[in-house]
Amino acid sequence: MAIMITDECINCGACEPECPNNAIYEAGAEWAWADGNNLSGTIDFDGQAISVSQRFAPKSDDTYFIVTSKCTECVGFHEEPQCAAVCPVDCCVPDPDNVESNEVLLEKKNRMHL
């Protein structure tokens, strides 16, 4: 499953530099698939081919947020999600609405990091 940031987030920013997929963004920041990885060209996203450099609206204007589609729980990089490991208020938690197997998480990692 992906990790999510709860509304207990204090916006300290400790999590953002720890994410190997660049899936964590500051409140109000637009995001793109190509941020912080080797992707180029287009990607199938929600059944549509889109440019990996296309910017998307922020998922939160109040706290840091994790782009679920880019989160791999650090599978293939670390033993545990690094955002959760460094969070001083324990607000980086498993997202029960986005449960994925280790195989799926590793496939996502391999797609973003050629």
Protein backbone atom coordinates (compact mmCIF):
# COMPACT_ATOMS: atom_id res chain seq x y z
CA MET A 1 0.00 0.00 0.00
CA ALA A 2 1.10 3.54 -0.49
CA ILE A 3 1.93 5.86 2.37
CA MET A 4 -0.16 8.92 3.13
CA ILE A 5 0.44 12.00 5.25
CA THR A 6 -2.26 12.72 7.79
CA ASP A 7 -3.52 16.14 8.81
CA GLU A 8 -1.33 15.94 11.92
CA CYS A 9 1.56 17.01 9.64
CA ILE A 10 3.47 19.97 11.08
CA ASN A 11 5.04 20.85 7.69
CA CYS A 12 8.57 20.30 8.95
CA GLY A 13 9.72 18.96 5.57
CA ALA A 14 11.81 16.10 6.99
CA CYS A 15 10.08 13.55 4.73
CA GLU A 16 10.49 15.23 1.34
CA PRO A 17 14.25 14.75 0.77
CA GLU A 18 14.06 11.13 1.99
CA CYS A 19 11.71 9.95 -0.78
CA PRO A 20 13.62 8.10 -3.52
CA ASN A 21 10.69 8.54 -5.93
CA ASN A 22 10.15 12.24 -5.34
CA ALA A 23 6.54 11.40 -4.46
CA ILE A 24 6.37 13.87 -1.57
CA TYR A 25 5.54 17.50 -2.23
CA GLU A 26 5.17 20.65 -0.16
CA ALA A 27 1.65 21.96 0.45
CA GLY A 28 0.35 23.74 -2.63
CA ALA A 29 3.06 22.42 -4.99
CA GLU A 30 2.16 21.09 -8.42
CA TRP A 31 3.62 17.68 -9.27
CA ALA A 32 4.68 15.74 -12.37
CA TRP A 33 5.56 12.12 -13.06
CA ALA A 34 9.03 13.15 -14.29
CA ASP A 35 10.00 14.91 -11.06
CA GLY A 36 13.08 13.23 -9.60
CA ASN A 37 13.31 10.15 -11.81
CA ASN A 38 14.32 8.95 -15.28
CA LEU A 39 10.93 9.07 -16.99
CA SER A 40 10.55 10.71 -20.38
CA GLY A 41 7.89 10.77 -23.06
CA THR A 42 4.43 9.64 -22.04
CA ILE A 43 2.93 7.38 -19.40
CA ASP A 44 -0.43 5.65 -19.12
CA PHE A 45 -2.21 7.45 -16.28
CA ASP A 46 -5.84 6.63 -15.51
CA GLY A 47 -6.23 5.13 -18.98
CA GLN A 48 -4.79 8.14 -20.81
CA ALA A 49 -1.36 8.66 -22.36
CA ILE A 50 0.00 11.86 -20.84
CA SER A 51 3.31 13.65 -20.98
CA VAL A 52 5.43 12.79 -17.93
CA SER A 53 6.27 16.48 -17.61
CA GLN A 54 2.60 17.52 -17.36
CA ARG A 55 2.00 19.37 -14.09
CA PHE A 56 -0.89 18.32 -11.83
CA ALA A 57 -2.73 20.25 -9.14
CA PRO A 58 -1.54 19.81 -5.56
CA LYS A 59 -3.30 17.13 -3.51
CA SER A 60 -3.19 19.44 -0.48
CA ASP A 61 -2.85 23.15 0.08
CA ASP A 62 -2.39 22.72 3.84
CA THR A 63 0.24 20.03 4.44
CA TYR A 64 2.89 18.05 2.65
CA PHE A 65 1.35 15.28 0.55
CA ILE A 66 2.35 12.03 -1.15
CA VAL A 67 1.40 11.28 -4.75
CA THR A 68 0.01 7.77 -4.34
CA SER A 69 0.80 6.78 -7.92
CA LYS A 70 4.51 7.51 -7.36
CA CYS A 71 4.83 6.00 -3.86
CA THR A 72 6.50 2.60 -3.65
CA GLU A 73 6.89 2.52 0.16
CA CYS A 74 10.63 2.61 -0.63
CA VAL A 75 10.46 -1.00 -1.91
CA GLY A 76 13.62 -1.67 -3.88
CA PHE A 77 15.46 1.11 -2.05
CA HIS A 78 15.11 0.65 1.73
CA GLU A 79 13.77 -1.81 4.29
CA GLU A 80 11.05 0.61 5.42
CA PRO A 81 9.36 3.78 4.15
CA GLN A 82 11.87 6.53 4.85
CA CYS A 83 9.23 9.24 5.24
CA ALA A 84 7.73 7.34 8.17
CA ALA A 85 11.17 6.66 9.63
CA VAL A 86 12.06 10.37 9.85
CA CYS A 87 8.65 11.88 10.63
CA PRO A 88 8.80 13.49 14.10
CA VAL A 89 5.01 13.30 14.60
CA ASP A 90 4.33 9.90 13.01
CA CYS A 91 1.95 11.25 10.37
CA CYS A 92 3.34 9.19 7.47
CA VAL A 93 1.17 6.10 7.69
CA PRO A 94 -0.05 3.29 5.40
CA ASP A 95 -2.93 4.38 3.18
CA PRO A 96 -5.72 1.81 3.65
CA ASP A 97 -7.37 2.98 0.42
CA ASN A 98 -4.29 2.10 -1.67
CA VAL A 99 -3.14 -1.41 -0.83
CA GLU A 100 -0.50 -2.83 -3.21
CA SER A 101 1.64 -5.96 -3.12
CA ASN A 102 5.45 -5.78 -2.96
CA GLU A 103 5.49 -6.99 -6.58
CA VAL A 104 3.32 -4.06 -7.71
CA LEU A 105 5.40 -1.60 -5.68
CA LEU A 106 8.61 -2.95 -7.21
CA GLU A 107 7.09 -2.70 -10.70
CA LYS A 108 6.24 0.97 -10.03
CA LYS A 109 9.81 1.56 -8.82
CA ASN A 110 11.28 -0.08 -11.93
CA ARG A 111 9.02 1.95 -14.23
CA MET A 112 10.19 5.25 -12.73
CA HIS A 113 13.87 4.35 -12.36
CA LEU A 114 15.05 2.79 -15.60
